[in-house]
PDB file of N, CA and C in Angstrom:
ATOM      1  N   MET A   1       0.787  -1.436   0.009  1.00  0.00           N
ATOM      2  CA  MET A   1       0.202  -0.100  -0.095  1.00  0.00           C
ATOM      3  C   MET A   1       0.992   1.334  -0.060  1.00  0.00           C
ATOM      4  N   LYS A   2       0.323   2.251  -0.555  1.00  0.00           N
ATOM      5  CA  LYS A   2       1.418   3.541  -0.999  1.00  0.00           C
ATOM      6  C   LYS A   2      -0.019   4.749  -0.154  1.00  0.00           C
ATOM      7  N   ILE A   3       0.817   5.443   0.669  1.00  0.00           N
ATOM      8  CA  ILE A   3      -0.037   6.643   1.029  1.00  0.00           C
ATOM      9  C   ILE A   3       0.724   7.747   0.231  1.00  0.00           C
ATOM     10  N   SER A   4       0.104   8.837   0.412  1.00  0.00           N
ATOM     11  CA  SER A   4       0.449  10.281  -0.003  1.00  0.00           C
ATOM     12  C   SER A   4       0.001  11.526   1.078  1.00  0.00           C
ATOM     13  N   ILE A   5       1.204  11.926   2.133  1.00  0.00           N
ATOM     14  CA  ILE A   5       0.822  12.974   2.789  1.00  0.00           C
ATOM     15  C   ILE A   5       1.732  14.135   2.692  1.00  0.00           C
ATOM     16  N   GLU A   6       1.212  15.540   3.205  1.00  0.00           N
ATOM     17  CA  GLU A   6       1.928  16.312   3.195  1.00  0.00           C
ATOM     18  C   GLU A   6       3.006  16.332   4.527  1.00  0.00           C
ATOM     19  N   ARG A   7       4.073  16.867   4.163  1.00  0.00           N
ATOM     20  CA  ARG A   7       5.130  16.675   5.206  1.00  0.00           C
ATOM     21  C   ARG A   7       4.598  17.424   6.635  1.00  0.00           C
ATOM     22  N   ALA A   8       4.185  18.463   6.512  1.00  0.00           N
ATOM     23  CA  ALA A   8       3.693  19.283   7.727  1.00  0.00           C
ATOM     24  C   ALA A   8       2.508  18.547   8.395  1.00  0.00           C
ATOM     25  N   THR A   9       2.043  17.909   7.806  1.00  0.00           N
ATOM     26  CA  THR A   9       0.670  16.929   8.274  1.00  0.00           C
ATOM     27  C   THR A   9       1.164  15.810   8.960  1.00  0.00           C
ATOM     28  N   LEU A  10       2.496  15.167   8.483  1.00  0.00           N
ATOM     29  CA  LEU A  10       3.226  13.876   8.809  1.00  0.00           C
ATOM     30  C   LEU A  10       3.727  14.315  10.387  1.00  0.00           C
ATOM     31  N   LEU A  11       4.461  15.496   9.952  1.00  0.00           N
ATOM     32  CA  LEU A  11       5.172  15.873  11.251  1.00  0.00           C
ATOM     33  C   LEU A  11       4.469  16.078  12.323  1.00  0.00           C
ATOM     34  N   LYS A  12       3.462  16.898  12.490  1.00  0.00           N
ATOM     35  CA  LYS A  12       2.268  17.088  13.333  1.00  0.00           C
ATOM     36  C   LYS A  12       1.826  15.649  13.754  1.00  0.00           C
ATOM     37  N   ALA A  13       1.493  14.917  13.386  1.00  0.00           N
ATOM     38  CA  ALA A  13       0.962  13.539  13.474  1.00  0.00           C
ATOM     39  C   ALA A  13       2.051  12.776  14.390  1.00  0.00           C
ATOM     40  N   VAL A  14       3.417  12.591  13.928  1.00  0.00           N
ATOM     41  CA  VAL A  14       4.449  11.974  14.759  1.00  0.00           C
ATOM     42  C   VAL A  14       4.858  12.505  15.518  1.00  0.00           C
ATOM     43  N   GLY A  15       4.712  13.938  15.645  1.00  0.00           N
ATOM     44  CA  GLY A  15       5.284  14.896  16.671  1.00  0.00           C
ATOM     45  C   GLY A  15       4.313  14.502  17.969  1.00  0.00           C
ATOM     46  N   GLN A  16       3.003  14.577  17.935  1.00  0.00           N
ATOM     47  CA  GLN A  16       2.125  14.098  18.722  1.00  0.00           C
ATOM     48  C   GLN A  16       2.411  12.695  19.322  1.00  0.00           C
ATOM     49  N   ALA A  17       2.529  11.687  18.544  1.00  0.00           N
ATOM     50  CA  ALA A  17       2.776  10.306  19.030  1.00  0.00           C
ATOM     51  C   ALA A  17       4.217  10.177  20.112  1.00  0.00           C
ATOM     52  N   GLN A  18       4.925  11.043  19.259  1.00  0.00           N
ATOM     53  CA  GLN A  18       6.378  10.618  19.778  1.00  0.00           C
ATOM     54  C   GLN A  18       6.357  11.437  21.476  1.00  0.00           C
ATOM     55  N   SER A  19       5.289  12.521  21.876  1.00  0.00           N
ATOM     56  CA  SER A  19       5.651  12.808  23.133  1.00  0.00           C
ATOM     57  C   SER A  19       4.666  11.702  23.802  1.00  0.00           C
ATOM     58  N   VAL A  20       4.455  10.809  23.591  1.00  0.00           N
ATOM     59  CA  VAL A  20       3.934  10.107  24.636  1.00  0.00           C
ATOM     60  C   VAL A  20       4.626   8.855  24.270  1.00  0.00           C
ATOM     61  N   VAL A  21       5.511   8.359  23.317  1.00  0.00           N
ATOM     62  CA  VAL A  21       6.397   7.325  23.237  1.00  0.00           C
ATOM     63  C   VAL A  21       7.555   7.405  24.342  1.00  0.00           C
ATOM     64  N   GLU A  22       7.534   6.264  25.063  1.00  0.00           N
ATOM     65  CA  GLU A  22       8.862   6.380  26.216  1.00  0.00           C
ATOM     66  C   GLU A  22      10.092   6.320  25.792  1.00  0.00           C
ATOM     67  N   ARG A  23      11.014   7.418  26.153  1.00  0.00           N
ATOM     68  CA  ARG A  23      12.462   7.282  25.427  1.00  0.00           C
ATOM     69  C   ARG A  23      12.987   6.274  26.122  1.00  0.00           C
ATOM     70  N   ARG A  24      13.048   6.126  27.503  1.00  0.00           N
ATOM     71  CA  ARG A  24      13.921   4.716  27.667  1.00  0.00           C
ATOM     72  C   ARG A  24      13.103   3.622  27.990  1.00  0.00           C
ATOM     73  N   ASN A  25      13.226   2.881  27.013  1.00  0.00           N
ATOM     74  CA  ASN A  25      12.246   1.502  27.059  1.00  0.00           C
ATOM     75  C   ASN A  25      12.739   0.262  27.461  1.00  0.00           C
ATOM     76  N   THR A  26      12.187  -0.410  28.023  1.00  0.00           N
ATOM     77  CA  THR A  26      13.083  -2.035  27.879  1.00  0.00           C
ATOM     78  C   THR A  26      12.782  -2.740  26.837  1.00  0.00           C
ATOM     79  N   ILE A  27      11.379  -2.676  26.235  1.00  0.00           N
ATOM     80  CA  ILE A  27      10.543  -3.315  25.429  1.00  0.00           C
ATOM     81  C   ILE A  27      10.865  -2.625  23.858  1.00  0.00           C
ATOM     82  N   PRO A  28      11.516  -2.789  22.879  1.00  0.00           N
ATOM     83  CA  PRO A  28      11.481  -2.153  21.753  1.00  0.00           C
ATOM     84  C   PRO A  28      10.545  -1.985  21.028  1.00  0.00           C
ATOM     85  N   ILE A  29       9.438  -2.802  21.186  1.00  0.00           N
ATOM     86  CA  ILE A  29       8.231  -2.382  20.406  1.00  0.00           C
ATOM     87  C   ILE A  29       7.520  -0.964  21.002  1.00  0.00           C
ATOM     88  N   LEU A  30       7.860  -0.550  21.946  1.00  0.00           N
ATOM     89  CA  LEU A  30       7.246   0.623  22.681  1.00  0.00           C
ATOM     90  C   LEU A  30       7.920   1.762  22.222  1.00  0.00           C
ATOM     91  N   ALA A  31       8.658   1.280  21.197  1.00  0.00           N
ATOM     92  CA  ALA A  31       9.722   2.797  20.909  1.00  0.00           C
ATOM     93  C   ALA A  31       9.117   3.338  19.581  1.00  0.00           C
ATOM     94  N   ASN A  32       8.407   2.327  18.887  1.00  0.00           N
ATOM     95  CA  ASN A  32       7.609   2.532  17.651  1.00  0.00           C
ATOM     96  C   ASN A  32       6.287   3.282  17.651  1.00  0.00           C
ATOM     97  N   VAL A  33       5.937   3.687  16.183  1.00  0.00           N
ATOM     98  CA  VAL A  33       4.596   4.370  16.085  1.00  0.00           C
ATOM     99  C   VAL A  33       3.870   3.382  14.889  1.00  0.00           C
ATOM    100  N   LEU A  34       2.611   2.806  15.336  1.00  0.00           N
ATOM    101  CA  LEU A  34       2.151   2.215  14.389  1.00  0.00           C
ATOM    102  C   LEU A  34       1.369   3.554  13.198  1.00  0.00           C
ATOM    103  N   ILE A  35       1.254   2.919  11.960  1.00  0.00           N
ATOM    104  CA  ILE A  35       0.273   4.002  11.162  1.00  0.00           C
ATOM    105  C   ILE A  35      -0.447   2.821  10.582  1.00  0.00           C
ATOM    106  N   GLU A  36      -1.898   3.145  10.702  1.00  0.00           N
ATOM    107  CA  GLU A  36      -2.917   2.354  10.168  1.00  0.00           C
ATOM    108  C   GLU A  36      -3.345   3.119   9.097  1.00  0.00           C
ATOM    109  N   ALA A  37      -3.915   2.576   7.899  1.00  0.00           N
ATOM    110  CA  ALA A  37      -5.246   3.459   6.942  1.00  0.00           C
ATOM    111  C   ALA A  37      -6.034   2.675   6.734  1.00  0.00           C
ATOM    112  N   ASP A  38      -7.300   3.533   6.789  1.00  0.00           N
ATOM    113  CA  ASP A  38      -8.442   2.405   6.820  1.00  0.00           C
ATOM    114  C   ASP A  38      -9.421   3.766   5.731  1.00  0.00           C
ATOM    115  N   GLY A  39      -9.301   3.229   4.280  1.00  0.00           N
ATOM    116  CA  GLY A  39     -10.103   3.970   3.571  1.00  0.00           C
ATOM    117  C   GLY A  39      -9.263   5.365   3.456  1.00  0.00           C
ATOM    118  N   ALA A  40      -9.845   6.904   3.600  1.00  0.00           N
ATOM    119  CA  ALA A  40      -9.352   7.988   3.879  1.00  0.00           C
ATOM    120  C   ALA A  40      -8.964   8.380   5.040  1.00  0.00           C
ATOM    121  N   ASP A  41      -8.948   7.256   6.110  1.00  0.00           N
ATOM    122  CA  ASP A  41      -8.481   7.686   7.576  1.00  0.00           C
ATOM    123  C   ASP A  41      -7.149   7.009   7.520  1.00  0.00           C
ATOM    124  N   VAL A  42      -6.404   7.988   8.363  1.00  0.00           N
ATOM    125  CA  VAL A  42      -5.012   7.742   8.794  1.00  0.00           C
ATOM    126  C   VAL A  42      -5.053   7.552  10.369  1.00  0.00           C
ATOM    127  N   THR A  43      -4.472   6.671  10.821  1.00  0.00           N
ATOM    128  CA  THR A  43      -4.349   6.890  12.591  1.00  0.00           C
ATOM    129  C   THR A  43      -2.936   6.498  12.840  1.00  0.00           C
ATOM    130  N   PHE A  44      -2.713   7.392  13.825  1.00  0.00           N
ATOM    131  CA  PHE A  44      -1.173   7.073  14.451  1.00  0.00           C
ATOM    132  C   PHE A  44      -1.540   6.715  15.890  1.00  0.00           C
ATOM    133  N   ARG A  45      -0.712   5.300  16.207  1.00  0.00           N
ATOM    134  CA  ARG A  45      -0.812   4.950  17.530  1.00  0.00           C
ATOM    135  C   ARG A  45       0.745   4.640  18.144  1.00  0.00           C
TER     136      ARG A  45
END
């Protein structure tokens, strides 16, 4: 799947997700952001 998104929009969403991602984690999966696309919606978790 390919998506196209404006840089400013992507940076804003990643910045918000980054604010809750723990910097010093013991479980590597907690250092990542999940991007889900469903139709016209994109969700960052």
